[in-house]
Amino acid sequence: MKAISALMKEKEEKIQLLMGCLAEETARGIPIVVEGKRDVEALRAMGISGRIIPAKTGRKTFMEVVRELEECETREVILLLDFDRKGREWTRRLERHLEGSGIKPNLYFWNGLLELVWTDVKDVEGLPAYLKNLRAKMGKAEQ
């Protein structure tokens, strides 16, 4: 049981580290692109206070999202779309279009979170609940 608890603790610490680094990047002015309003709310609940742009709200087309990002006049955008098949497709499409526009798509956080939670979480909005459940399991495993 202690080995399982140690693995869960390590995973929780890595997620917290990623979120801390994400908060620092957004504080520097780098915007984040997520899929929807609930993803924005989840990141806010996890302490992310910078600019978060929901890509799939208000019936925006893919090209409207790309134009909005180009109008941000930023050199870099953090892509943090969902971890399911459609989210991966949108991430790859945005990556290609942003590179073509001279904007660096930052996938560091998406890849890091995907590696840690891909079997357990399908979307950004599920991260706070996942962390809460992970912490509860760690508490039970330590007893």
Foldseek 3Di string as FASTA:
>chain_A
DVVVLVVLVVLLVLLLVLLVVQLVVLVVPAEEEEADDLLVVLNVVSPRDHHYHHDHPPNDDLVNSLVVVLVSPAQEHEYAYWLDPVRVVSLVVSCVSCVVSNHHYDDPSNVSVCVSDVVPGGGSSCVVVVSVVSVVVSVVVVD
